[in-house]
Structures are given as structure tokens and as C-alpha cells.
Amino acid sequence: MSVILFLAFVAIAAGEGCCPPDQWEAGQDIMVGMVTAGATHLSKGLNRVHIDATQKIIAAEESLVVDGAPVQLKVIQDFVKGIQYLIQNSVCQKTTIGPWVSRCVPDNATLVHSVSIGSGKNTLAVKTYNVKQGDLDIYVTVTADGCIPVSQNQAGSSSGVNQMIVVGFYDVTQGIKDRSVFDVPAECNGVAIQERIHPTTKLASSVFHL
């Protein structure tokens, strides 16, 4: 069974124009369709993500349905140590990860439109950008004030995997309420670190996701 790890905005090159806060937390509702090695996989569910750009660390709690089966995950990505911890059913997997990449809307993104969401007095001004990342076509919507993530949709191919991902963000708050979300659990003590090769665990990283 393929597990989709989806943590926050897609990691792309930093841009001066629009970056979210250095520390923020959010809920995500996600749906991911993938085709790999001729097999089709569908994942959907809810995540809670915690991003600290100052300390270069991300954590997430994920409640997913992957190919019809429920999956509960805890993920910590420590970019200072270069290690990802993935805990499922009290079993920890440690793998190497690449360097930290700022989660910003890059300077070369194309502004698609500036619109409002809602109606009447209950409206929110947003901007939608299109980002090309290799063979991925990404659309990111952020608030016009503050670059707070609203949604991200992407389609295309990455590492030989055809994919379509739809993500909505909600209950976004600035800062980290409880830093214990970054504590590595005891299950990971003594576990050997594996090199991260192309995965059964596919990291779907977004402009605003892990």
C-alpha cells in the first residue's frame, strides 16, 4: 500500500514577492490521485501541519484513507539534522531528506488573477499564482494580505509518478502553539537511518506543503 505524505505548501525556490509567516500552523483537507508502475492510488483525508522556518523543522499529524484503508501518521522533518521521522502504528522509520527550501511563491510565478472569496461583507481578497516546477503545473491561492495559504492544486509528473493533488487550508494561525509537536518519539530511538530513494512513502511536497 502506497502512503502519501502531504505536509504543507509545495517546497519551491524562495521569492521576494510573497512568503507566508516564518512560523505557522494549519489544517489541510487533501485529495491525491497517483499512477505509479501502472497502478492507480487514491488518498484523501485531513492533516494538521506545523511549520517553523526559523528552526527549519516541520511536523504533521495525518489522518488518511489510502486506497480504501485508514492510515494514521505522525511525521517530523528536521532539516537541520537532515532526517525525516515517520511513525505509523508505533513503528518509526527514519530516512534522509534534502536541504530546507523556503516555502514561498517564487518571483517567476505568474499571477493568474486577484479576486475575492465569499459574498457581501464576508469576503476575503486572494491572489492565485501559477508555478511551473519541472513537469508539475501548480496553482496556489493565498490571501492578498499576508500570503496566507488558501488552496493548492497541482497536476503532472514528479519522479516518474503521475499525480493530481488538491489541498485546502483552514484554521491557519501564526506561531507554534506547542513546540512538543517537534519532539521525536521514543519509538525512533536506536532506529537506523535509511537513504531516501523513490518510495513506497511518496512525499508530496507543495509550494505550501511538506
C-alpha atoms as a PDB file:
ATOM      1  CA  MET A   1       0.000   0.000   0.000  1.00  0.00           C
ATOM      2  CA  SER A   2       1.393   3.358  -1.008  1.00  0.00           C
ATOM      3  CA  VAL A   3       1.344   6.055   1.656  1.00  0.00           C
ATOM      4  CA  ILE A   4       1.114   9.719   0.693  1.00  0.00           C
ATOM      5  CA  LEU A   5       2.887  12.130   2.946  1.00  0.00           C
ATOM      6  CA  PHE A   6       1.500  15.591   2.359  1.00  0.00           C
ATOM      7  CA  LEU A   7       2.616  18.286   4.740  1.00  0.00           C
ATOM      8  CA  ALA A   8       2.136  21.990   3.818  1.00  0.00           C
ATOM      9  CA  PHE A   9       2.869  24.476   0.860  1.00  0.00           C
ATOM     10  CA  VAL A  10       4.998  22.818  -2.018  1.00  0.00           C
ATOM     11  CA  ALA A  11       8.676  23.408  -1.382  1.00  0.00           C
ATOM     12  CA  ILE A  12       9.873  25.693  -4.158  1.00  0.00           C
ATOM     13  CA  ALA A  13      12.514  28.316  -4.642  1.00  0.00           C
ATOM     14  CA  ALA A  14      12.199  31.358  -2.417  1.00  0.00           C
ATOM     15  CA  GLY A  15      10.693  34.533  -3.845  1.00  0.00           C
ATOM     16  CA  GLU A  16      10.757  38.049  -2.505  1.00  0.00           C
ATOM     17  CA  GLY A  17       7.193  38.810  -3.529  1.00  0.00           C
ATOM     18  CA  CYS A  18       5.119  36.594  -1.264  1.00  0.00           C
ATOM     19  CA  CYS A  19       6.126  34.415   1.670  1.00  0.00           C
ATOM     20  CA  PRO A  20       3.920  33.097   4.481  1.00  0.00           C
ATOM     21  CA  PRO A  21       4.888  33.765   8.128  1.00  0.00           C
ATOM     22  CA  ASP A  22       8.093  32.097   9.356  1.00  0.00           C
ATOM     23  CA  GLN A  23       6.053  30.041  11.834  1.00  0.00           C
ATOM     24  CA  TRP A  24       2.520  28.867  11.141  1.00  0.00           C
ATOM     25  CA  GLU A  25       0.092  26.013  11.680  1.00  0.00           C
ATOM     26  CA  ALA A  26      -2.929  24.894   9.674  1.00  0.00           C
ATOM     27  CA  GLY A  27      -5.416  22.186   8.958  1.00  0.00           C
ATOM     28  CA  GLN A  28      -5.455  20.648   5.493  1.00  0.00           C
ATOM     29  CA  ASP A  29      -8.102  18.708   3.624  1.00  0.00           C
ATOM     30  CA  ILE A  30      -6.451  16.815   0.799  1.00  0.00           C
ATOM     31  CA  MET A  31      -7.165  14.505  -2.101  1.00  0.00           C
ATOM     32  CA  VAL A  32      -4.348  12.851  -4.039  1.00  0.00           C
ATOM     33  CA  GLY A  33      -4.540  10.685  -7.140  1.00  0.00           C
ATOM     34  CA  MET A  34      -1.371   8.952  -8.361  1.00  0.00           C
ATOM     35  CA  VAL A  35      -0.377   6.480 -11.046  1.00  0.00           C
ATOM     36  CA  THR A  36       2.899   4.661 -10.446  1.00  0.00           C
ATOM     37  CA  ALA A  37       4.187   1.462 -12.070  1.00  0.00           C
ATOM     38  CA  GLY A  38       0.842   1.167 -13.854  1.00  0.00           C
ATOM     39  CA  ALA A  39      -1.156   1.140 -10.603  1.00  0.00           C
ATOM     40  CA  THR A  40      -3.629   3.857  -9.596  1.00  0.00           C
ATOM     41  CA  HIS A  41      -3.764   5.078  -5.982  1.00  0.00           C
ATOM     42  CA  LEU A  42      -6.211   7.437  -4.279  1.00  0.00           C
ATOM     43  CA  SER A  43      -5.645   9.107  -0.919  1.00  0.00           C
ATOM     44  CA  LYS A  44      -7.855  11.557   0.938  1.00  0.00           C
ATOM     45  CA  GLY A  45      -8.070  12.907   4.450  1.00  0.00           C
ATOM     46  CA  LEU A  46      -7.224  15.607   6.946  1.00  0.00           C
ATOM     47  CA  ASN A  47      -3.835  16.805   8.196  1.00  0.00           C
ATOM     48  CA  ARG A  48      -2.603  19.208  10.837  1.00  0.00           C
ATOM     49  CA  VAL A  49       0.729  20.791   9.917  1.00  0.00           C
ATOM     50  CA  HIS A  50       3.245  22.856  11.915  1.00  0.00           C
ATOM     51  CA  ILE A  51       5.950  24.771  10.027  1.00  0.00           C
ATOM     52  CA  ASP A  52       8.876  26.581  11.640  1.00  0.00           C
ATOM     53  CA  ALA A  53      11.123  28.161   9.020  1.00  0.00           C
ATOM     54  CA  THR A  54      13.364  29.749  11.657  1.00  0.00           C
ATOM     55  CA  GLN A  55      14.387  26.347  13.047  1.00  0.00           C
ATOM     56  CA  LYS A  56      13.932  24.557   9.707  1.00  0.00           C
ATOM     57  CA  ILE A  57      11.583  21.899  11.059  1.00  0.00           C
ATOM     58  CA  ILE A  58       8.103  20.675  10.102  1.00  0.00           C
ATOM     59  CA  ALA A  59       5.687  18.288  11.798  1.00  0.00           C
ATOM     60  CA  ALA A  60       2.332  16.857  10.809  1.00  0.00           C
ATOM     61  CA  GLU A  61      -0.380  14.567  12.084  1.00  0.00           C
ATOM     62  CA  GLU A  62      -2.183  12.859   9.224  1.00  0.00           C
ATOM     63  CA  SER A  63      -5.483  11.000   9.177  1.00  0.00           C
ATOM     64  CA  LEU A  64      -5.903   9.490   5.722  1.00  0.00           C
ATOM     65  CA  VAL A  65      -7.751   6.882   3.740  1.00  0.00           C
ATOM     66  CA  VAL A  66      -5.258   5.352   1.298  1.00  0.00           C
ATOM     67  CA  ASP A  67      -6.685   3.038  -1.358  1.00  0.00           C
ATOM     68  CA  GLY A  68      -9.682   2.462   0.924  1.00  0.00           C
ATOM     69  CA  ALA A  69      -7.673   1.673   4.080  1.00  0.00           C
ATOM     70  CA  PRO A  70      -7.398   4.075   7.066  1.00  0.00           C
ATOM     71  CA  VAL A  71      -3.875   5.330   7.820  1.00  0.00           C
ATOM     72  CA  GLN A  72      -2.699   7.379  10.818  1.00  0.00           C
ATOM     73  CA  LEU A  73       0.719   9.013  10.542  1.00  0.00           C
ATOM     74  CA  LYS A  74       2.961  11.283  12.573  1.00  0.00           C
ATOM     75  CA  VAL A  75       5.712  12.949  10.561  1.00  0.00           C
ATOM     76  CA  ILE A  76       8.634  15.137  11.633  1.00  0.00           C
ATOM     77  CA  GLN A  77      11.071  16.619   9.136  1.00  0.00           C
ATOM     78  CA  ASP A  78      14.194  18.038  10.785  1.00  0.00           C
ATOM     79  CA  PHE A  79      16.153  19.788   8.049  1.00  0.00           C
ATOM     80  CA  VAL A  80      18.990  20.785  10.399  1.00  0.00           C
ATOM     81  CA  LYS A  81      19.719  17.110  11.079  1.00  0.00           C
ATOM     82  CA  GLY A  82      18.637  16.070   7.578  1.00  0.00           C
ATOM     83  CA  ILE A  83      16.288  13.384   8.936  1.00  0.00           C
ATOM     84  CA  GLN A  84      12.615  12.581   8.426  1.00  0.00           C
ATOM     85  CA  TYR A  85      10.797  10.572  11.103  1.00  0.00           C
ATOM     86  CA  LEU A  86       7.629   8.758  10.055  1.00  0.00           C
ATOM     87  CA  ILE A  87       5.669   6.983  12.790  1.00  0.00           C
ATOM     88  CA  GLN A  88       2.854   4.575  11.947  1.00  0.00           C
ATOM     89  CA  ASN A  89       1.331   2.026  14.336  1.00  0.00           C
ATOM     90  CA  SER A  90       4.102   2.783  16.886  1.00  0.00           C
ATOM     91  CA  VAL A  91       6.757   1.870  14.311  1.00  0.00           C
ATOM     92  CA  CYS A  92       9.311   4.542  13.364  1.00  0.00           C
ATOM     93  CA  GLN A  93      11.054   4.898  10.027  1.00  0.00           C
ATOM     94  CA  LYS A  94      13.995   7.301   9.728  1.00  0.00           C
ATOM     95  CA  THR A  95      15.126   8.483   6.313  1.00  0.00           C
ATOM     96  CA  THR A  96      17.427  11.184   4.977  1.00  0.00           C
ATOM     97  CA  ILE A  97      15.921  14.341   3.477  1.00  0.00           C
ATOM     98  CA  GLY A  98      17.313  17.094   1.295  1.00  0.00           C
ATOM     99  CA  PRO A  99      18.087  20.674   2.346  1.00  0.00           C
ATOM    100  CA  TRP A 100      15.478  23.144   3.552  1.00  0.00           C
ATOM    101  CA  VAL A 101      13.743  25.078   0.757  1.00  0.00           C
ATOM    102  CA  SER A 102      11.776  28.218   1.595  1.00  0.00           C
ATOM    103  CA  ARG A 103       8.043  27.845   1.129  1.00  0.00           C
ATOM    104  CA  CYS A 104       7.260  30.996  -0.811  1.00  0.00           C
ATOM    105  CA  VAL A 105       5.532  31.961  -4.024  1.00  0.00           C
ATOM    106  CA  PRO A 106       8.594  32.429  -6.272  1.00  0.00           C
ATOM    107  CA  ASP A 107       9.410  35.540  -8.269  1.00  0.00           C
ATOM    108  CA  ASN A 108       8.877  33.694 -11.545  1.00  0.00           C
ATOM    109  CA  ALA A 109       5.303  32.670 -10.640  1.00  0.00           C
ATOM    110  CA  THR A 110       2.572  34.017 -12.932  1.00  0.00           C
ATOM    111  CA  LEU A 111      -0.240  35.945 -11.284  1.00  0.00           C
ATOM    112  CA  VAL A 112      -3.423  34.376 -12.680  1.00  0.00           C
ATOM    113  CA  HIS A 113      -5.900  36.704 -11.002  1.00  0.00           C
ATOM    114  CA  SER A 114      -6.742  38.777  -7.932  1.00  0.00           C
ATOM    115  CA  VAL A 115     -10.279  38.035  -6.763  1.00  0.00           C
ATOM    116  CA  SER A 116     -12.388  37.735  -3.633  1.00  0.00           C
ATOM    117  CA  ILE A 117     -13.855  34.660  -1.934  1.00  0.00           C
ATOM    118  CA  GLY A 118     -17.248  34.863  -0.279  1.00  0.00           C
ATOM    119  CA  SER A 119     -20.070  37.338  -0.644  1.00  0.00           C
ATOM    120  CA  GLY A 120     -21.108  40.727   0.657  1.00  0.00           C
ATOM    121  CA  LYS A 121     -19.360  41.731   3.863  1.00  0.00           C
ATOM    122  CA  ASN A 122     -17.947  38.235   4.289  1.00  0.00           C
ATOM    123  CA  THR A 123     -15.265  38.381   1.604  1.00  0.00           C
ATOM    124  CA  LEU A 124     -11.557  37.649   1.532  1.00  0.00           C
ATOM    125  CA  ALA A 125      -9.194  39.135  -1.058  1.00  0.00           C
ATOM    126  CA  VAL A 126      -6.932  36.472  -2.562  1.00  0.00           C
ATOM    127  CA  LYS A 127      -4.387  36.032  -5.336  1.00  0.00           C
ATOM    128  CA  THR A 128      -3.873  32.913  -7.433  1.00  0.00           C
ATOM    129  CA  TYR A 129      -0.461  32.147  -8.917  1.00  0.00           C
ATOM    130  CA  ASN A 130       0.662  29.551 -11.446  1.00  0.00           C
ATOM    131  CA  VAL A 131       4.037  27.904 -10.814  1.00  0.00           C
ATOM    132  CA  LYS A 132       5.850  25.556 -13.189  1.00  0.00           C
ATOM    133  CA  GLN A 133       8.049  23.063 -11.339  1.00  0.00           C
ATOM    134  CA  GLY A 134       9.579  20.581 -13.743  1.00  0.00           C
ATOM    135  CA  ASP A 135       6.675  18.584 -15.166  1.00  0.00           C
ATOM    136  CA  LEU A 136       4.310  19.801 -12.431  1.00  0.00           C
ATOM    137  CA  ASP A 137       1.743  22.534 -13.069  1.00  0.00           C
ATOM    138  CA  ILE A 138       0.867  24.159  -9.729  1.00  0.00           C
ATOM    139  CA  TYR A 139      -1.831  26.688  -8.851  1.00  0.00           C
ATOM    140  CA  VAL A 140      -1.529  28.334  -5.444  1.00  0.00           C
ATOM    141  CA  THR A 141      -4.092  30.687  -3.903  1.00  0.00           C
ATOM    142  CA  VAL A 142      -3.021  32.924  -0.992  1.00  0.00           C
ATOM    143  CA  THR A 143      -4.528  35.844   0.848  1.00  0.00           C
ATOM    144  CA  ALA A 144      -3.704  39.196  -0.754  1.00  0.00           C
ATOM    145  CA  ASP A 145      -2.634  40.432   2.676  1.00  0.00           C
ATOM    146  CA  GLY A 146      -0.063  38.244   4.394  1.00  0.00           C
ATOM    147  CA  CYS A 147       0.389  35.458   1.802  1.00  0.00           C
ATOM    148  CA  ILE A 148      -1.595  33.004   3.964  1.00  0.00           C
ATOM    149  CA  PRO A 149      -2.270  29.735   2.087  1.00  0.00           C
ATOM    150  CA  VAL A 150      -5.851  29.133   0.965  1.00  0.00           C
ATOM    151  CA  SER A 151      -5.556  26.302  -1.555  1.00  0.00           C
ATOM    152  CA  GLN A 152      -3.143  24.479  -3.802  1.00  0.00           C
ATOM    153  CA  ASN A 153      -3.893  22.351  -6.857  1.00  0.00           C
ATOM    154  CA  GLN A 154      -1.247  20.582  -8.893  1.00  0.00           C
ATOM    155  CA  ALA A 155      -1.087  18.087 -11.726  1.00  0.00           C
ATOM    156  CA  GLY A 156       1.662  16.477 -13.751  1.00  0.00           C
ATOM    157  CA  SER A 157       4.571  14.142 -13.124  1.00  0.00           C
ATOM    158  CA  SER A 158       7.300  14.051 -10.476  1.00  0.00           C
ATOM    159  CA  SER A 159       9.955  11.336 -10.079  1.00  0.00           C
ATOM    160  CA  GLY A 160       8.089   9.277 -12.676  1.00  0.00           C
ATOM    161  CA  VAL A 161       4.812   9.423 -10.759  1.00  0.00           C
ATOM    162  CA  ASN A 162       1.785  10.959 -12.490  1.00  0.00           C
ATOM    163  CA  GLN A 163      -0.262  12.844  -9.916  1.00  0.00           C
ATOM    164  CA  MET A 164      -3.111  15.226  -9.239  1.00  0.00           C
ATOM    165  CA  ILE A 165      -3.306  16.869  -5.802  1.00  0.00           C
ATOM    166  CA  VAL A 166      -5.988  19.152  -4.365  1.00  0.00           C
ATOM    167  CA  VAL A 167      -5.376  20.814  -0.983  1.00  0.00           C
ATOM    168  CA  GLY A 168      -7.437  23.262   1.046  1.00  0.00           C
ATOM    169  CA  PHE A 169      -6.089  25.090   4.100  1.00  0.00           C
ATOM    170  CA  TYR A 170      -8.176  26.086   7.122  1.00  0.00           C
ATOM    171  CA  ASP A 171      -7.738  27.356  10.700  1.00  0.00           C
ATOM    172  CA  VAL A 172      -4.382  28.895   9.783  1.00  0.00           C
ATOM    173  CA  THR A 173      -2.642  30.530  12.749  1.00  0.00           C
ATOM    174  CA  GLN A 174       0.714  32.241  13.108  1.00  0.00           C
ATOM    175  CA  GLY A 175       3.326  30.904  15.528  1.00  0.00           C
ATOM    176  CA  ILE A 176       3.723  27.434  17.064  1.00  0.00           C
ATOM    177  CA  LYS A 177       1.285  26.899  19.921  1.00  0.00           C
ATOM    178  CA  ASP A 178       3.018  23.842  21.426  1.00  0.00           C
ATOM    179  CA  ARG A 179       6.593  23.031  20.418  1.00  0.00           C
ATOM    180  CA  SER A 180       6.257  19.458  21.668  1.00  0.00           C
ATOM    181  CA  VAL A 181       4.843  18.654  18.213  1.00  0.00           C
ATOM    182  CA  PHE A 182       8.500  18.576  17.101  1.00  0.00           C
ATOM    183  CA  ASP A 183       9.612  16.111  19.800  1.00  0.00           C
ATOM    184  CA  VAL A 184      10.856  12.839  18.318  1.00  0.00           C
ATOM    185  CA  PRO A 185       9.005   9.935  19.994  1.00  0.00           C
ATOM    186  CA  ALA A 186      10.771   7.157  21.871  1.00  0.00           C
ATOM    187  CA  GLU A 187       9.877   4.670  19.124  1.00  0.00           C
ATOM    188  CA  CYS A 188      12.572   6.293  16.980  1.00  0.00           C
ATOM    189  CA  ASN A 189      15.410   5.703  19.469  1.00  0.00           C
ATOM    190  CA  GLY A 190      18.015   3.365  18.008  1.00  0.00           C
ATOM    191  CA  VAL A 191      16.330   3.115  14.594  1.00  0.00           C
ATOM    192  CA  ALA A 192      18.822   3.103  11.712  1.00  0.00           C
ATOM    193  CA  ILE A 193      18.625   5.914   9.171  1.00  0.00           C
ATOM    194  CA  GLN A 194      17.793   4.803   5.631  1.00  0.00           C
ATOM    195  CA  GLU A 195      18.679   6.624   2.436  1.00  0.00           C
ATOM    196  CA  ARG A 196      15.555   8.047   0.901  1.00  0.00           C
ATOM    197  CA  ILE A 197      15.163   6.570  -2.541  1.00  0.00           C
ATOM    198  CA  HIS A 198      11.998   6.646  -4.636  1.00  0.00           C
ATOM    199  CA  PRO A 199       9.457   5.498  -2.070  1.00  0.00           C
ATOM    200  CA  THR A 200       6.546   3.478  -1.053  1.00  0.00           C
ATOM    201  CA  THR A 201       6.128   6.605   1.031  1.00  0.00           C
ATOM    202  CA  LYS A 202       5.764   9.359  -1.533  1.00  0.00           C
ATOM    203  CA  LEU A 203       6.422  12.821  -0.181  1.00  0.00           C
ATOM    204  CA  ALA A 204       4.036  15.163  -1.950  1.00  0.00           C
ATOM    205  CA  SER A 205       5.710  18.470  -1.225  1.00  0.00           C
ATOM    206  CA  SER A 206       3.839  21.605  -2.227  1.00  0.00           C
ATOM    207  CA  VAL A 207       4.584  25.396  -2.515  1.00  0.00           C
ATOM    208  CA  PHE A 208       2.942  25.396   0.857  1.00  0.00           C
ATOM    209  CA  HIS A 209       3.128  21.677   1.749  1.00  0.00           C
ATOM    210  CA  LEU A 210       5.801  19.229   3.079  1.00  0.00           C
END
